[in-house]
Protein backbone atom coordinates (compact mmCIF):
# COMPACT_ATOMS: atom_id res chain seq x y z
CA UNK A 1 0.00 0.00 0.00
CA UNK A 2 1.41 3.36 -1.05
CA UNK A 3 1.89 5.86 1.74
CA UNK A 4 2.57 9.57 1.47
CA UNK A 5 3.38 11.38 4.71
CA UNK A 6 3.56 15.16 4.88
CA UNK A 7 5.48 17.18 7.45
CA UNK A 8 6.60 20.75 7.99
CA UNK A 9 3.35 22.63 8.42
CA UNK A 10 2.76 25.18 11.14
CA UNK A 11 2.08 28.79 11.99
CA UNK A 12 4.09 31.50 10.25
CA UNK A 13 3.82 35.27 9.97
CA UNK A 14 3.02 36.95 6.67
CA UNK A 15 6.17 37.29 4.61
CA UNK A 16 7.74 34.25 6.23
CA UNK A 17 8.76 30.90 4.80
CA UNK A 18 7.95 27.25 5.38
CA UNK A 19 9.19 24.06 3.79
CA UNK A 20 6.83 21.13 3.48
CA UNK A 21 8.13 17.64 2.87
CA UNK A 22 6.35 14.52 1.64
CA UNK A 23 7.90 11.12 2.24
CA UNK A 24 6.76 8.49 -0.26
CA UNK A 25 6.88 4.79 0.59
CA UNK A 26 7.76 3.75 -2.96
CA UNK A 27 10.17 5.01 -5.57
CA UNK A 28 8.98 8.40 -6.79
CA UNK A 29 9.99 7.29 -10.29
CA UNK A 30 6.91 5.06 -10.23
CA UNK A 31 4.65 8.12 -10.25
CA UNK A 32 3.86 10.05 -13.41
CA UNK A 33 3.18 13.22 -11.43
CA UNK A 34 3.89 14.37 -7.89
CA UNK A 35 2.05 17.42 -6.67
CA UNK A 36 0.95 19.55 -3.77
CA UNK A 37 -2.66 20.62 -3.29
CA UNK A 38 -4.25 23.03 -0.86
CA UNK A 39 -7.71 23.05 0.68
CA UNK A 40 -9.56 25.53 2.85
CA UNK A 41 -12.88 24.80 4.55
CA UNK A 42 -15.81 25.11 2.17
CA UNK A 43 -13.62 25.03 -0.93
CA UNK A 44 -12.47 22.34 -3.28
CA UNK A 45 -8.93 21.08 -3.12
CA UNK A 46 -6.83 23.14 -5.51
CA UNK A 47 -3.58 22.32 -7.26
CA UNK A 48 -0.68 24.43 -6.00
CA UNK A 49 2.34 22.89 -7.72
CA UNK A 50 3.10 19.81 -9.78
CA UNK A 51 6.22 17.98 -10.86
CA UNK A 52 5.85 15.47 -13.68
CA UNK A 53 8.37 12.68 -14.08
CA UNK A 54 9.19 14.16 -17.46
CA UNK A 55 8.55 17.80 -18.19
CA UNK A 56 8.40 21.16 -16.52
CA UNK A 57 7.11 21.96 -13.09
CA UNK A 58 3.91 23.97 -12.94
CA UNK A 59 2.47 26.34 -10.40
CA UNK A 60 -0.87 27.99 -9.78
CA UNK A 61 -0.96 31.69 -10.61
CA UNK A 62 -1.39 32.54 -6.94
CA UNK A 63 1.94 30.97 -5.92
CA UNK A 64 4.03 31.44 -9.06
CA UNK A 65 7.38 32.97 -8.17
CA UNK A 66 6.96 32.30 -4.45
CA UNK A 67 6.75 28.50 -4.17
CA UNK A 68 9.13 25.86 -5.47
CA UNK A 69 8.42 22.15 -5.79
CA UNK A 70 11.37 19.79 -5.81
CA UNK A 71 12.08 16.06 -5.81
CA UNK A 72 14.78 14.09 -4.08
CA UNK A 73 15.04 10.83 -5.96
CA UNK A 74 17.44 9.28 -3.47
CA UNK A 75 15.21 9.96 -0.47
CA UNK A 76 11.88 9.48 -2.27
CA UNK A 77 10.60 12.83 -1.11
CA UNK A 78 8.88 15.75 -2.75
CA UNK A 79 9.17 19.13 -1.05
CA UNK A 80 7.38 22.44 -1.32
CA UNK A 81 9.40 25.51 -0.42
CA UNK A 82 7.02 28.35 0.34
CA UNK A 83 8.35 31.90 0.51
CA UNK A 84 6.74 35.31 0.97
CA UNK A 85 3.74 33.64 2.54
CA UNK A 86 0.41 35.43 2.58
CA UNK A 87 -2.67 34.90 4.77
CA UNK A 88 -4.48 33.51 1.73
CA UNK A 89 -1.93 30.68 1.60
CA UNK A 90 -3.52 29.30 4.75
CA UNK A 91 -4.99 25.83 4.38
CA UNK A 92 -4.35 22.13 4.63
CA UNK A 93 -1.67 21.06 2.20
CA UNK A 94 -1.83 17.60 0.69
CA UNK A 95 0.83 15.64 -1.11
CA UNK A 96 -0.40 13.75 -4.17
CA UNK A 97 1.06 11.04 -6.35
CA UNK A 98 -0.55 10.14 -9.66
CA UNK A 99 -0.04 7.11 -11.86
CA UNK A 100 -1.38 6.86 -15.37
CA UNK A 101 -1.69 3.22 -16.42
CA UNK A 102 -1.59 2.21 -20.07
CA UNK A 103 -5.27 1.33 -19.76
CA UNK A 104 -7.92 2.26 -17.22
CA UNK A 105 -8.33 5.23 -14.93
CA UNK A 106 -5.66 7.36 -13.30
CA UNK A 107 -4.60 6.26 -9.85
CA UNK A 108 -4.26 8.95 -7.23
CA UNK A 109 -2.64 8.63 -3.82
CA UNK A 110 -2.94 11.18 -1.05
CA UNK A 111 -1.23 12.03 2.18
CA UNK A 112 -3.13 12.92 5.34
CA UNK A 113 -2.44 16.65 4.98
CA UNK A 114 -0.55 19.22 7.00
CA UNK A 115 -1.95 22.52 8.25
CA UNK A 116 -0.33 25.77 7.22
CA UNK A 117 -1.52 28.95 8.91
CA UNK A 118 -0.23 32.35 7.86
CA UNK A 119 -1.18 34.94 10.43
CA UNK A 120 0.28 37.73 12.48
């Protein structure tokens, strides 16, 4: 059973930084895409940043230039460096791994989430 475990959330002041880390129980090469999502109460989970196995990293407009997603293939982790944090970045952040089989539906795996609160 695939496990994704997030860490690094917490309370930070506006303008501050946090680094989230996601430990994956299997080789991250086995995933077509690794990503971070964010969810606030009453809203749908939204994509923040994604890192495909092949191709360029992508970011939502709201975090472009402030967040950086990175992979460590030796440790099987995917991190999210968050800089210049704003109150609207507050939410539960989820790590996601996606596999696209040659036939059938996409397979998505989720971590349990980590809370990030940006407040003075």
